[in-house]
Amino acid sequence: MPITVDIDVMLAKRKMSVGELADRVGITPANLAVLKNGRAKAVRFTTLAALCEVLECQPGDLLRWEAGDATENNEDTVDAVDAANG
């Protein structure tokens, strides 16, 4: 996935545990782990805002884009849609 989540970096900078962050944000530690480990498909803006508020950071401190295979997959999807539309 071309979006990398850097929650662990901010946790280390703030000397905060995953459990403490989850409690303060109001999500389960399991859901935070899914996000932190890059397995999430989406994140709500309200959750992102709460993470930023608790960690005293900007969204760009938590999320960054990296070029990779997903760009190729998007091009394949566009090609498939174009082919289907004739």
Protein backbone atom coordinates (compact mmCIF):
# COMPACT_ATOMS: atom_id res chain seq x y z
CA MET A 1 0.00 0.00 0.00
CA PRO A 2 1.46 3.38 -0.89
CA ILE A 3 0.24 5.04 2.33
CA THR A 4 2.54 4.41 5.29
CA VAL A 5 1.31 4.98 8.84
CA ASP A 6 3.89 6.38 11.25
CA ILE A 7 1.92 6.17 14.49
CA ASP A 8 4.74 4.18 16.09
CA VAL A 9 7.16 7.06 15.43
CA MET A 10 4.86 9.54 17.17
CA LEU A 11 4.24 7.12 20.04
CA ALA A 12 7.99 6.87 20.61
CA LYS A 13 8.42 10.65 20.45
CA ARG A 14 5.59 11.13 22.97
CA LYS A 15 6.73 8.19 25.13
CA MET A 16 3.19 6.79 25.00
CA SER A 17 1.98 3.18 24.80
CA VAL A 18 -0.48 1.84 22.25
CA GLY A 19 -2.93 1.10 25.06
CA GLU A 20 -2.74 4.64 26.44
CA LEU A 21 -3.22 6.15 22.97
CA ALA A 22 -6.18 3.87 22.26
CA ASP A 23 -7.82 4.85 25.57
CA ARG A 24 -7.29 8.56 25.00
CA VAL A 25 -8.52 8.42 21.39
CA GLY A 26 -11.48 6.18 22.20
CA ILE A 27 -10.74 3.21 19.95
CA THR A 28 -9.83 -0.37 20.79
CA PRO A 29 -6.15 -1.35 20.99
CA ALA A 30 -6.89 -3.96 18.29
CA ASN A 31 -8.22 -1.31 15.87
CA LEU A 32 -5.27 0.94 16.64
CA ALA A 33 -2.93 -1.98 15.93
CA VAL A 34 -4.61 -2.55 12.54
CA LEU A 35 -4.04 1.11 11.68
CA LYS A 36 -0.52 1.21 13.12
CA ASN A 37 0.57 -1.91 11.24
CA GLY A 38 -0.69 -0.63 7.89
CA ARG A 39 -3.49 -3.16 7.52
CA ALA A 40 -6.33 -0.60 7.57
CA LYS A 41 -8.12 0.15 4.30
CA ALA A 42 -9.45 3.49 5.56
CA VAL A 43 -9.41 5.85 8.52
CA ARG A 44 -12.19 8.22 9.52
CA PHE A 45 -11.30 11.89 9.68
CA THR A 46 -12.70 11.99 13.22
CA THR A 47 -10.27 9.24 14.26
CA LEU A 48 -7.39 10.97 12.49
CA ALA A 49 -8.30 14.25 14.19
CA ALA A 50 -8.44 12.55 17.60
CA LEU A 51 -5.04 10.92 16.99
CA CYS A 52 -3.58 14.30 16.03
CA GLU A 53 -5.11 15.99 19.08
CA VAL A 54 -3.79 13.39 21.53
CA LEU A 55 -0.35 13.15 19.88
CA GLU A 56 -0.19 16.93 19.30
CA CYS A 57 0.77 16.52 15.66
CA GLN A 58 -0.45 17.08 12.11
CA PRO A 59 -1.98 14.38 9.85
CA GLY A 60 1.20 14.45 7.77
CA ASP A 61 3.15 13.37 10.84
CA LEU A 62 1.10 10.16 10.91
CA LEU A 63 0.54 9.41 7.22
CA ARG A 64 2.86 9.56 4.24
CA TRP A 65 2.66 8.45 0.64
CA GLU A 66 5.26 6.16 -0.92
CA ALA A 67 5.31 5.21 -4.58
CA GLY A 68 4.94 1.49 -5.13
CA ASP A 69 2.85 -1.34 -6.47
CA ALA A 70 -0.49 0.30 -5.69
CA THR A 71 0.15 2.89 -8.41
CA GLU A 72 0.50 0.07 -10.93
CA ASN A 73 -2.70 -1.54 -9.59
CA ASN A 74 -4.58 1.75 -10.07
CA GLU A 75 -3.34 1.95 -13.66
CA ASP A 76 -4.52 -1.63 -14.24
CA THR A 77 -7.94 -0.70 -12.84
CA VAL A 78 -8.17 2.33 -15.12
CA ASP A 79 -7.16 0.17 -18.10
CA ALA A 80 -9.83 -2.41 -17.18
CA VAL A 81 -12.51 0.29 -16.86
CA ASP A 82 -11.46 1.81 -20.21
CA ALA A 83 -11.62 -1.62 -21.85
CA ALA A 84 -15.06 -2.30 -20.37
CA ASN A 85 -16.35 1.04 -21.65
CA GLY A 86 -15.15 0.22 -25.12
